[in-house]
Amino acid sequence: WRGATVTGLAISLFFPLAGITLLTVMALDHLLLSRVPVL
């Protein structure tokens, strides 16, 4: 997971809007999608 994380961070730093989108998706996944049964 460390290698995958570094790759994701590199893409996020190089392409800011991609990084913001990835962080938003991960936050939604952790805070909302994984906790609401229907979603």
Full PDB file with SEQRES, HELIX, SHEET, SSBOND, CRYST1, ORIGX, SCALE, CONECT and MASTER records, all heavy atoms in Angstrom:
SEQRES   1 A   39  TRP ARG GLY ALA THR VAL THR GLY LEU ALA ILE SER LEU          
SEQRES   2 A   39  PHE PHE PRO LEU ALA GLY ILE THR LEU LEU THR VAL MET          
SEQRES   3 A   39  ALA LEU ASP HIS LEU LEU LEU SER ARG VAL PRO VAL LEU          
HELIX    1 AA1 ARG A    2  PHE A   14  1                                  13    
HELIX    2 AA2 PRO A   16  LEU A   28  1                                  13    
HELIX    3 AA3 ASP A   29  LEU A   33  3                                   5    
CRYST1    1.000    1.000    1.000  90.00  90.00  90.00 P 1           1          
ORIGX1      1.000000  0.000000  0.000000        0.00000                         
ORIGX2      0.000000  1.000000  0.000000        0.00000                         
ORIGX3      0.000000  0.000000  1.000000        0.00000                         
SCALE1      1.000000  0.000000  0.000000        0.00000                         
SCALE2      0.000000  1.000000  0.000000        0.00000                         
SCALE3      0.000000  0.000000  1.000000        0.00000                         
ATOM      1  N   TRP A   1       0.816  -1.205   0.000  1.00  0.00           N  
ATOM      2  CA  TRP A   1       0.000   0.000   0.000  1.00  0.00           C  
ATOM      3  C   TRP A   1       0.854   1.261   0.000  1.00  0.00           C  
ATOM      4  O   TRP A   1       0.429   2.310  -0.487  1.00  0.00           O  
ATOM      5  CB  TRP A   1      -0.940   0.008   1.214  1.00  0.00           C  
ATOM      6  CG  TRP A   1      -0.228   0.015   2.537  1.00  0.00           C  
ATOM      7  CD1 TRP A   1       0.161  -1.062   3.267  1.00  0.00           C  
ATOM      8  CD2 TRP A   1       0.197   1.166   3.268  1.00  0.00           C  
ATOM      9  NE1 TRP A   1       0.801  -0.679   4.415  1.00  0.00           N  
ATOM     10  CE2 TRP A   1       0.834   0.698   4.433  1.00  0.00           C  
ATOM     11  CE3 TRP A   1       0.096   2.538   3.058  1.00  0.00           C  
ATOM     12  CZ2 TRP A   1       1.383   1.561   5.382  1.00  0.00           C  
ATOM     13  CZ3 TRP A   1       0.637   3.399   3.994  1.00  0.00           C  
ATOM     14  CH2 TRP A   1       1.268   2.906   5.153  1.00  0.00           C  
ATOM     15  N   ARG A   2       2.082   1.142   0.525  1.00  0.00           N  
ATOM     16  CA  ARG A   2       2.951   2.329   0.542  1.00  0.00           C  
ATOM     17  C   ARG A   2       3.299   2.772  -0.882  1.00  0.00           C  
ATOM     18  O   ARG A   2       3.282   3.958  -1.199  1.00  0.00           O  
ATOM     19  CB  ARG A   2       4.223   2.031   1.333  1.00  0.00           C  
ATOM     20  CG  ARG A   2       3.986   1.851   2.832  1.00  0.00           C  
ATOM     21  CD  ARG A   2       5.298   1.587   3.556  1.00  0.00           C  
ATOM     22  NE  ARG A   2       5.089   1.438   4.995  1.00  0.00           N  
ATOM     23  CZ  ARG A   2       4.747   0.288   5.571  1.00  0.00           C  
ATOM     24  NH1 ARG A   2       4.570  -0.798   4.828  1.00  0.00           N  
ATOM     25  NH2 ARG A   2       4.575   0.238   6.876  1.00  0.00           N  
ATOM     26  N   GLY A   3       3.627   1.803  -1.734  1.00  0.00           N  
ATOM     27  CA  GLY A   3       3.948   2.126  -3.125  1.00  0.00           C  
ATOM     28  C   GLY A   3       2.761   2.733  -3.851  1.00  0.00           C  
ATOM     29  O   GLY A   3       2.898   3.706  -4.595  1.00  0.00           O  
ATOM     30  N   ALA A   4       1.583   2.169  -3.607  1.00  0.00           N  
ATOM     31  CA  ALA A   4       0.375   2.700  -4.240  1.00  0.00           C  
ATOM     32  C   ALA A   4       0.075   4.109  -3.738  1.00  0.00           C  
ATOM     33  O   ALA A   4      -0.338   4.986  -4.501  1.00  0.00           O  
ATOM     34  CB  ALA A   4      -0.807   1.774  -3.959  1.00  0.00           C  
ATOM     35  N   THR A   5       0.318   4.322  -2.422  1.00  0.00           N  
ATOM     36  CA  THR A   5       0.081   5.646  -1.839  1.00  0.00           C  
ATOM     37  C   THR A   5       1.027   6.681  -2.427  1.00  0.00           C  
ATOM     38  O   THR A   5       0.624   7.797  -2.772  1.00  0.00           O  
ATOM     39  CB  THR A   5       0.249   5.593  -0.312  1.00  0.00           C  
ATOM     40  OG1 THR A   5      -0.672   4.640   0.238  1.00  0.00           O  
ATOM     41  CG2 THR A   5       0.000   6.955   0.301  1.00  0.00           C  
ATOM     42  N   VAL A   6       2.307   6.322  -2.557  1.00  0.00           N  
ATOM     43  CA  VAL A   6       3.295   7.247  -3.133  1.00  0.00           C  
ATOM     44  C   VAL A   6       2.924   7.596  -4.570  1.00  0.00           C  
ATOM     45  O   VAL A   6       3.003   8.751  -4.993  1.00  0.00           O  
ATOM     46  CB  VAL A   6       4.707   6.624  -3.069  1.00  0.00           C  
ATOM     47  CG1 VAL A   6       5.696   7.462  -3.893  1.00  0.00           C  
ATOM     48  CG2 VAL A   6       5.178   6.535  -1.625  1.00  0.00           C  
ATOM     49  N   THR A   7       2.498   6.574  -5.332  1.00  0.00           N  
ATOM     50  CA  THR A   7       2.083   6.821  -6.723  1.00  0.00           C  
ATOM     51  C   THR A   7       0.895   7.771  -6.773  1.00  0.00           C  
ATOM     52  O   THR A   7       0.868   8.714  -7.577  1.00  0.00           O  
ATOM     53  CB  THR A   7       1.708   5.496  -7.418  1.00  0.00           C  
ATOM     54  OG1 THR A   7       2.825   4.604  -7.364  1.00  0.00           O  
ATOM     55  CG2 THR A   7       1.315   5.730  -8.864  1.00  0.00           C  
ATOM     56  N   GLY A   8      -0.083   7.530  -5.893  1.00  0.00           N  
ATOM     57  CA  GLY A   8      -1.261   8.396  -5.843  1.00  0.00           C  
ATOM     58  C   GLY A   8      -0.906   9.822  -5.454  1.00  0.00           C  
ATOM     59  O   GLY A   8      -1.428  10.784  -6.029  1.00  0.00           O  
ATOM     60  N   LEU A   9       0.004   9.959  -4.483  1.00  0.00           N  
ATOM     61  CA  LEU A   9       0.430  11.298  -4.057  1.00  0.00           C  
ATOM     62  C   LEU A   9       1.171  12.029  -5.172  1.00  0.00           C  
ATOM     63  O   LEU A   9       1.006  13.235  -5.361  1.00  0.00           O  
ATOM     64  CB  LEU A   9       1.312  11.193  -2.812  1.00  0.00           C  
ATOM     65  CG  LEU A   9       0.598  10.868  -1.498  1.00  0.00           C  
ATOM     66  CD1 LEU A   9       1.615  10.657  -0.383  1.00  0.00           C  
ATOM     67  CD2 LEU A   9      -0.366  11.992  -1.119  1.00  0.00           C  
ATOM     68  N   ALA A  10       2.005  11.288  -5.895  1.00  0.00           N  
ATOM     69  CA  ALA A  10       2.752  11.898  -6.999  1.00  0.00           C  
ATOM     70  C   ALA A  10       1.808  12.445  -8.062  1.00  0.00           C  
ATOM     71  O   ALA A  10       1.970  13.573  -8.544  1.00  0.00           O  
ATOM     72  CB  ALA A  10       3.709  10.875  -7.619  1.00  0.00           C  
ATOM     73  N   ILE A  11       0.804  11.646  -8.431  1.00  0.00           N  
ATOM     74  CA  ILE A  11      -0.187  12.101  -9.411  1.00  0.00           C  
ATOM     75  C   ILE A  11      -0.961  13.289  -8.861  1.00  0.00           C  
ATOM     76  O   ILE A  11      -1.227  14.268  -9.573  1.00  0.00           O  
ATOM     77  CB  ILE A  11      -1.145  10.948  -9.781  1.00  0.00           C  
ATOM     78  CG1 ILE A  11      -0.387   9.850 -10.543  1.00  0.00           C  
ATOM     79  CG2 ILE A  11      -2.311  11.458 -10.630  1.00  0.00           C  
ATOM     80  CD1 ILE A  11      -1.229   8.624 -10.841  1.00  0.00           C  
ATOM     81  N   SER A  12      -1.292  13.249  -7.572  1.00  0.00           N  
ATOM     82  CA  SER A  12      -2.070  14.318  -6.958  1.00  0.00           C  
ATOM     83  C   SER A  12      -1.300  15.627  -6.922  1.00  0.00           C  
ATOM     84  O   SER A  12      -1.863  16.709  -7.140  1.00  0.00           O  
ATOM     85  CB  SER A  12      -2.483  13.923  -5.534  1.00  0.00           C  
ATOM     86  OG  SER A  12      -3.271  12.749  -5.550  1.00  0.00           O  
ATOM     87  N   LEU A  13       0.007  15.561  -6.618  1.00  0.00           N  
ATOM     88  CA  LEU A  13       0.830  16.767  -6.570  1.00  0.00           C  
ATOM     89  C   LEU A  13       1.048  17.331  -7.965  1.00  0.00           C  
ATOM     90  O   LEU A  13       1.075  18.549  -8.160  1.00  0.00           O  
ATOM     91  CB  LEU A  13       2.167  16.463  -5.894  1.00  0.00           C  
ATOM     92  CG  LEU A  13       2.118  16.184  -4.391  1.00  0.00           C  
ATOM     93  CD1 LEU A  13       3.475  15.728  -3.886  1.00  0.00           C  
ATOM     94  CD2 LEU A  13       1.671  17.434  -3.630  1.00  0.00           C  
ATOM     95  N   PHE A  14       1.216  16.451  -8.947  1.00  0.00           N  
ATOM     96  CA  PHE A  14       1.497  16.905 -10.305  1.00  0.00           C  
ATOM     97  C   PHE A  14       0.237  17.446 -10.971  1.00  0.00           C  
ATOM     98  O   PHE A  14       0.287  18.411 -11.736  1.00  0.00           O  
ATOM     99  CB  PHE A  14       2.074  15.747 -11.126  1.00  0.00           C  
ATOM    100  CG  PHE A  14       2.804  16.192 -12.355  1.00  0.00           C  
ATOM    101  CD1 PHE A  14       3.914  17.027 -12.250  1.00  0.00           C  
ATOM    102  CD2 PHE A  14       2.386  15.797 -13.606  1.00  0.00           C  
ATOM    103  CE1 PHE A  14       4.594  17.445 -13.381  1.00  0.00           C  
ATOM    104  CE2 PHE A  14       3.055  16.214 -14.744  1.00  0.00           C  
ATOM    105  CZ  PHE A  14       4.176  17.042 -14.635  1.00  0.00           C  
ATOM    106  N   PHE A  15      -0.921  16.828 -10.672  1.00  0.00           N  
ATOM    107  CA  PHE A  15      -2.200  17.273 -11.224  1.00  0.00           C  
ATOM    108  C   PHE A  15      -3.131  17.610 -10.057  1.00  0.00           C  
ATOM    109  O   PHE A  15      -3.846  16.734  -9.548  1.00  0.00           O  
ATOM    110  CB  PHE A  15      -2.821  16.182 -12.101  1.00  0.00           C  
ATOM    111  CG  PHE A  15      -1.949  15.766 -13.257  1.00  0.00           C  
ATOM    112  CD1 PHE A  15      -1.274  14.562 -13.233  1.00  0.00           C  
ATOM    113  CD2 PHE A  15      -1.801  16.583 -14.361  1.00  0.00           C  
ATOM    114  CE1 PHE A  15      -0.472  14.174 -14.293  1.00  0.00           C  
ATOM    115  CE2 PHE A  15      -0.996  16.216 -15.424  1.00  0.00           C  
ATOM    116  CZ  PHE A  15      -0.325  15.007 -15.386  1.00  0.00           C  
ATOM    117  N   PRO A  16      -3.159  18.862  -9.606  1.00  0.00           N  
ATOM    118  CA  PRO A  16      -3.895  19.235  -8.389  1.00  0.00           C  
ATOM    119  C   PRO A  16      -5.366  18.850  -8.387  1.00  0.00           C  
ATOM    120  O   PRO A  16      -5.879  18.384  -7.368  1.00  0.00           O  
ATOM    121  CB  PRO A  16      -3.733  20.767  -8.357  1.00  0.00           C  
ATOM    122  CG  PRO A  16      -2.494  21.039  -9.141  1.00  0.00           C  
ATOM    123  CD  PRO A  16      -2.453  20.004 -10.210  1.00  0.00           C  
ATOM    124  N   LEU A  17      -6.064  19.050  -9.494  1.00  0.00           N  
ATOM    125  CA  LEU A  17      -7.496  18.729  -9.497  1.00  0.00           C  
ATOM    126  C   LEU A  17      -7.739  17.234  -9.373  1.00  0.00           C  
ATOM    127  O   LEU A  17      -8.746  16.808  -8.806  1.00  0.00           O  
ATOM    128  CB  LEU A  17      -8.155  19.272 -10.760  1.00  0.00           C  
ATOM    129  CG  LEU A  17      -8.263  20.800 -10.844  1.00  0.00           C  
ATOM    130  CD1 LEU A  17      -9.139  21.215 -12.009  1.00  0.00           C  
ATOM    131  CD2 LEU A  17      -8.815  21.383  -9.552  1.00  0.00           C  
ATOM    132  N   ALA A  18      -6.809  16.425  -9.911  1.00  0.00           N  
ATOM    133  CA  ALA A  18      -6.918  14.978  -9.715  1.00  0.00           C  
ATOM    134  C   ALA A  18      -6.742  14.643  -8.244  1.00  0.00           C  
ATOM    135  O   ALA A  18      -7.470  13.807  -7.694  1.00  0.00           O  
ATOM    136  CB  ALA A  18      -5.873  14.243 -10.551  1.00  0.00           C  
ATOM    137  N   GLY A  19      -5.780  15.290  -7.581  1.00  0.00           N  
ATOM    138  CA  GLY A  19      -5.546  15.046  -6.157  1.00  0.00           C  
ATOM    139  C   GLY A  19      -6.740  15.424  -5.310  1.00  0.00           C  
ATOM    140  O   GLY A  19      -7.154  14.669  -4.420  1.00  0.00           O  
ATOM    141  N   ILE A  20      -7.324  16.602  -5.608  1.00  0.00           N  
ATOM    142  CA  ILE A  20      -8.505  17.041  -4.853  1.00  0.00           C  
ATOM    143  C   ILE A  20      -9.654  16.064  -5.047  1.00  0.00           C  
ATOM    144  O   ILE A  20     -10.362  15.707  -4.098  1.00  0.00           O  
ATOM    145  CB  ILE A  20      -8.915  18.461  -5.309  1.00  0.00           C  
ATOM    146  CG1 ILE A  20      -7.834  19.471  -4.906  1.00  0.00           C  
ATOM    147  CG2 ILE A  20     -10.263  18.844  -4.716  1.00  0.00           C  
ATOM    148  CD1 ILE A  20      -8.053  20.856  -5.479  1.00  0.00           C  
ATOM    149  N   THR A  21      -9.823  15.594  -6.283  1.00  0.00           N  
ATOM    150  CA  THR A  21     -10.903  14.647  -6.577  1.00  0.00           C  
ATOM    151  C   THR A  21     -10.691  13.326  -5.860  1.00  0.00           C  
ATOM    152  O   THR A  21     -11.630  12.763  -5.267  1.00  0.00           O  
ATOM    153  CB  THR A  21     -11.004  14.404  -8.094  1.00  0.00           C  
ATOM    154  OG1 THR A  21     -11.183  15.658  -8.759  1.00  0.00           O  
ATOM    155  CG2 THR A  21     -12.177  13.493  -8.421  1.00  0.00           C  
ATOM    156  N   LEU A  22      -9.454  12.803  -5.902  1.00  0.00           N  
ATOM    157  CA  LEU A  22      -9.154  11.532  -5.233  1.00  0.00           C  
ATOM    158  C   LEU A  22      -9.371  11.632  -3.729  1.00  0.00           C  
ATOM    159  O   LEU A  22      -9.944  10.730  -3.110  1.00  0.00           O  
ATOM    160  CB  LEU A  22      -7.718  11.105  -5.539  1.00  0.00           C  
ATOM    161  CG  LEU A  22      -7.424  10.681  -6.979  1.00  0.00           C  
ATOM    162  CD1 LEU A  22      -5.933  10.435  -7.163  1.00  0.00           C  
ATOM    163  CD2 LEU A  22      -8.218   9.441  -7.364  1.00  0.00           C  
ATOM    164  N   LEU A  23      -8.922  12.731  -3.125  1.00  0.00           N  
ATOM    165  CA  LEU A  23      -9.110  12.916  -1.683  1.00  0.00           C  
ATOM    166  C   LEU A  23     -10.594  13.022  -1.342  1.00  0.00           C  
ATOM    167  O   LEU A  23     -11.043  12.495  -0.319  1.00  0.00           O  
ATOM    168  CB  LEU A  23      -8.364  14.176  -1.226  1.00  0.00           C  
ATOM    169  CG  LEU A  23      -6.839  14.083  -1.210  1.00  0.00           C  
ATOM    170  CD1 LEU A  23      -6.227  15.445  -0.880  1.00  0.00           C  
ATOM    171  CD2 LEU A  23      -6.376  13.044  -0.187  1.00  0.00           C  
ATOM    172  N   THR A  24     -11.348  13.725  -2.200  1.00  0.00           N  
ATOM    173  CA  THR A  24     -12.792  13.857  -1.966  1.00  0.00           C  
ATOM    174  C   THR A  24     -13.484  12.503  -2.028  1.00  0.00           C  
ATOM    175  O   THR A  24     -14.328  12.178  -1.181  1.00  0.00           O  
ATOM    176  CB  THR A  24     -13.405  14.810  -3.010  1.00  0.00           C  
ATOM    177  OG1 THR A  24     -12.766  16.083  -2.934  1.00  0.00           O  
ATOM    178  CG2 THR A  24     -14.901  14.974  -2.768  1.00  0.00           C  
ATOM    179  N   VAL A  25     -13.120  11.705  -3.031  1.00  0.00           N  
ATOM    180  CA  VAL A  25     -13.726  10.382  -3.178  1.00  0.00           C  
ATOM    181  C   VAL A  25     -13.385   9.497  -1.981  1.00  0.00           C  
ATOM    182  O   VAL A  25     -14.262   8.800  -1.434  1.00  0.00           O  
ATOM    183  CB  VAL A  25     -13.250   9.714  -4.489  1.00  0.00           C  
ATOM    184  CG1 VAL A  25     -13.674   8.243  -4.525  1.00  0.00           C  
ATOM    185  CG2 VAL A  25     -13.828  10.450  -5.684  1.00  0.00           C  
ATOM    186  N   MET A  26     -12.101   9.527  -1.552  1.00  0.00           N  
ATOM    187  CA  MET A  26     -11.697   8.706  -0.401  1.00  0.00           C  
ATOM    188  C   MET A  26     -12.409   9.143   0.871  1.00  0.00           C  
ATOM    189  O   MET A  26     -12.815   8.319   1.692  1.00  0.00           O  
ATOM    190  CB  MET A  26     -10.182   8.756  -0.232  1.00  0.00           C  
ATOM    191  CG  MET A  26      -9.433   7.966  -1.289  1.00  0.00           C  
ATOM    192  SD  MET A  26      -7.658   7.790  -0.961  1.00  0.00           S  
ATOM    193  CE  MET A  26      -7.093   9.457  -1.256  1.00  0.00           C  
ATOM    194  N   ALA A  27     -12.582  10.464   1.029  1.00  0.00           N  
ATOM    195  CA  ALA A  27     -13.286  10.966   2.211  1.00  0.00           C  
ATOM    196  C   ALA A  27     -14.743  10.535   2.199  1.00  0.00           C  
ATOM    197  O   ALA A  27     -15.293  10.098   3.223  1.00  0.00           O  
ATOM    198  CB  ALA A  27     -13.176  12.489   2.259  1.00  0.00           C  
ATOM    199  N   LEU A  28     -15.387  10.657   1.044  1.00  0.00           N  
ATOM    200  CA  LEU A  28     -16.782  10.224   0.927  1.00  0.00           C  
ATOM    201  C   LEU A  28     -16.910   8.728   1.186  1.00  0.00           C  
ATOM    202  O   LEU A  28     -17.848   8.268   1.837  1.00  0.00           O  
ATOM    203  CB  LEU A  28     -17.325  10.576  -0.460  1.00  0.00           C  
ATOM    204  CG  LEU A  28     -17.616  12.049  -0.727  1.00  0.00           C  
ATOM    205  CD1 LEU A  28     -17.995  12.267  -2.188  1.00  0.00           C  
ATOM    206  CD2 LEU A  28     -18.731  12.557   0.183  1.00  0.00           C  
ATOM    207  N   ASP A  29     -15.947   7.970   0.659  1.00  0.00           N  
ATOM    208  CA  ASP A  29     -15.974   6.521   0.835  1.00  0.00           C  
ATOM    209  C   ASP A  29     -15.868   6.152   2.310  1.00  0.00           C  
ATOM    210  O   ASP A  29     -16.576   5.275   2.813  1.00  0.00           O  
ATOM    211  CB  ASP A  29     -14.831   5.894   0.047  1.00  0.00           C  
ATOM    212  CG  ASP A  29     -14.897   4.367   0.056  1.00  0.00           C  
ATOM    213  OD1 ASP A  29     -16.020   3.833   0.096  1.00  0.00           O  
ATOM    214  OD2 ASP A  29     -13.838   3.730   0.025  1.00  0.00           O  
ATOM    215  N   HIS A  30     -14.975   6.874   3.033  1.00  0.00           N  
ATOM    216  CA  HIS A  30     -14.743   6.551   4.448  1.00  0.00           C  
ATOM    217  C   HIS A  30     -15.860   7.070   5.348  1.00  0.00           C  
ATOM    218  O   HIS A  30     -16.299   6.381   6.279  1.00  0.00           O  
ATOM    219  CB  HIS A  30     -13.408   7.150   4.895  1.00  0.00           C  
ATOM    220  CG  HIS A  30     -13.111   6.930   6.340  1.00  0.00           C  
ATOM    221  ND1 HIS A  30     -12.793   5.680   6.854  1.00  0.00           N  
ATOM    222  CD2 HIS A  30     -13.097   7.797   7.395  1.00  0.00           C  
ATOM    223  CE1 HIS A  30     -12.586   5.782   8.160  1.00  0.00           C  
ATOM    224  NE2 HIS A  30     -12.764   7.057   8.509  1.00  0.00           N  
ATOM    225  N   LEU A  31     -16.346   8.292   5.056  1.00  0.00           N  
ATOM    226  CA  LEU A  31     -17.294   8.931   5.952  1.00  0.00           C  
ATOM    227  C   LEU A  31     -18.747   8.634   5.628  1.00  0.00           C  
ATOM    228  O   LEU A  31     -19.609   8.700   6.505  1.00  0.00           O  
ATOM    229  CB  LEU A  31     -17.081  10.455   5.920  1.00  0.00           C  
ATOM    230  CG  LEU A  31     -15.707  10.949   6.374  1.00  0.00           C  
ATOM    231  CD1 LEU A  31     -15.603  12.449   6.157  1.00  0.00           C  
ATOM    232  CD2 LEU A  31     -15.476  10.611   7.848  1.00  0.00           C  
ATOM    233  N   LEU A  32     -19.027   8.298   4.366  1.00  0.00           N  
ATOM    234  CA  LEU A  32     -20.420   8.176   3.975  1.00  0.00           C  
ATOM    235  C   LEU A  32     -20.753   6.827   3.341  1.00  0.00           C  
ATOM    236  O   LEU A  32     -21.601   6.080   3.850  1.00  0.00           O  
ATOM    237  CB  LEU A  32     -20.769   9.312   2.988  1.00  0.00           C  
ATOM    238  CG  LEU A  32     -22.251   9.493   2.643  1.00  0.00           C  
ATOM    239  CD1 LEU A  32     -23.045   9.846   3.905  1.00  0.00           C  
ATOM    240  CD2 LEU A  32     -22.412  10.600   1.600  1.00  0.00           C  
ATOM    241  N   LEU A  33     -20.065   6.512   2.238  1.00  0.00           N  
ATOM    242  CA  LEU A  33     -20.446   5.325   1.478  1.00  0.00           C  
ATOM    243  C   LEU A  33     -20.301   4.039   2.278  1.00  0.00           C  
ATOM    244  O   LEU A  33     -21.119   3.125   2.159  1.00  0.00           O  
ATOM    245  CB  LEU A  33     -19.613   5.231   0.192  1.00  0.00           C  
ATOM    246  CG  LEU A  33     -19.725   6.421  -0.766  1.00  0.00           C  
ATOM    247  CD1 LEU A  33     -18.908   6.167  -2.019  1.00  0.00           C  
ATOM    248  CD2 LEU A  33     -21.185   6.673  -1.132  1.00  0.00           C  
ATOM    249  N   SER A  34     -19.236   3.950   3.088  1.00  0.00           N  
ATOM    250  CA  SER A  34     -18.999   2.718   3.847  1.00  0.00           C  
ATOM    251  C   SER A  34     -19.882   2.606   5.087  1.00  0.00           C  
ATOM    252  O   SER A  34     -19.936   1.553   5.716  1.00  0.00           O  
ATOM    253  CB  SER A  34     -17.526   2.648   4.261  1.00  0.00           C  
ATOM    254  OG  SER A  34     -17.201   3.744   5.098  1.00  0.00           O  
ATOM    255  N   ARG A  35     -20.597   3.699   5.439  1.00  0.00           N  
ATOM    256  CA  ARG A  35     -21.367   3.695   6.683  1.00  0.00           C  
ATOM    257  C   ARG A  35     -22.875   3.715   6.458  1.00  0.00           C  
ATOM    258  O   ARG A  35     -23.639   3.486   7.392  1.00  0.00           O  
ATOM    259  CB  ARG A  35     -20.970   4.905   7.534  1.00  0.00           C  
ATOM    260  CG  ARG A  35     -19.483   4.922   7.838  1.00  0.00           C  
ATOM    261  CD  ARG A  35     -19.110   6.005   8.809  1.00  0.00           C  
ATOM    262  NE  ARG A  35     -17.660   6.026   9.060  1.00  0.00           N  
ATOM    263  CZ  ARG A  35     -17.094   6.627  10.094  1.00  0.00           C  
ATOM    264  NH1 ARG A  35     -17.848   7.260  10.975  1.00  0.00           N  
ATOM    265  NH2 ARG A  35     -15.793   6.604  10.242  1.00  0.00           N  
ATOM    266  N   VAL A  36     -23.298   4.032   5.244  1.00  0.00           N  
ATOM    267  CA  VAL A  36     -24.725   4.044   4.938  1.00  0.00           C  
ATOM    268  C   VAL A  36     -25.045   2.786   4.125  1.00  0.00           C  
ATOM    269  O   VAL A  36     -24.565   2.663   2.985  1.00  0.00           O  
ATOM    270  CB  VAL A  36     -25.103   5.310   4.145  1.00  0.00           C  
ATOM    271  CG1 VAL A  36     -26.587   5.295   3.814  1.00  0.00           C  
ATOM    272  CG2 VAL A  36     -24.720   6.563   4.929  1.00  0.00           C  
ATOM    273  N   PRO A  37     -25.816   1.858   4.666  1.00  0.00           N  
ATOM    274  CA  PRO A  37     -26.060   0.574   4.006  1.00  0.00           C  
ATOM    275  C   PRO A  37     -26.557   0.693   2.569  1.00  0.00           C  
ATOM    276  O   PRO A  37     -26.108  -0.025   1.673  1.00  0.00           O  
ATOM    277  CB  PRO A  37     -27.104  -0.096   4.901  1.00  0.00           C  
ATOM    278  CG  PRO A  37     -26.866   0.516   6.255  1.00  0.00           C  
ATOM    279  CD  PRO A  37     -26.451   1.921   5.996  1.00  0.00           C  
ATOM    280  N   VAL A  38     -27.480   1.625   2.339  1.00  0.00           N  
ATOM    281  CA  VAL A  38     -28.055   1.774   0.987  1.00  0.00           C  
ATOM    282  C   VAL A  38     -26.959   2.196   0.000  1.00  0.00           C  
ATOM    283  O   VAL A  38     -26.854   1.647  -1.103  1.00  0.00           O  
ATOM    284  CB  VAL A  38     -29.209   2.793   0.990  1.00  0.00           C  
ATOM    285  CG1 VAL A  38     -29.692   3.040  -0.440  1.00  0.00           C  
ATOM    286  CG2 VAL A  38     -30.347   2.306   1.863  1.00  0.00           C  
ATOM    287  N   LEU A  39     -26.137   3.161   0.402  1.00  0.00           N  
ATOM    288  CA  LEU A  39     -25.066   3.634  -0.467  1.00  0.00           C  
ATOM    289  C   LEU A  39     -23.976   2.575  -0.619  1.00  0.00           C  
ATOM    290  O   LEU A  39     -23.407   2.402  -1.712  1.00  0.00           O  
ATOM    291  CB  LEU A  39     -24.455   4.930   0.084  1.00  0.00           C  
ATOM    292  CG  LEU A  39     -25.387   6.155   0.059  1.00  0.00           C  
ATOM    293  CD1 LEU A  39     -24.695   7.344   0.729  1.00  0.00           C  
ATOM    294  CD2 LEU A  39     -25.773   6.511  -1.362  1.00  0.00           C  
TER     295      LEU A  39                                                      
MASTER        0    0    0    3    0    0    0    6  294    1    0    3          
END                                                                             
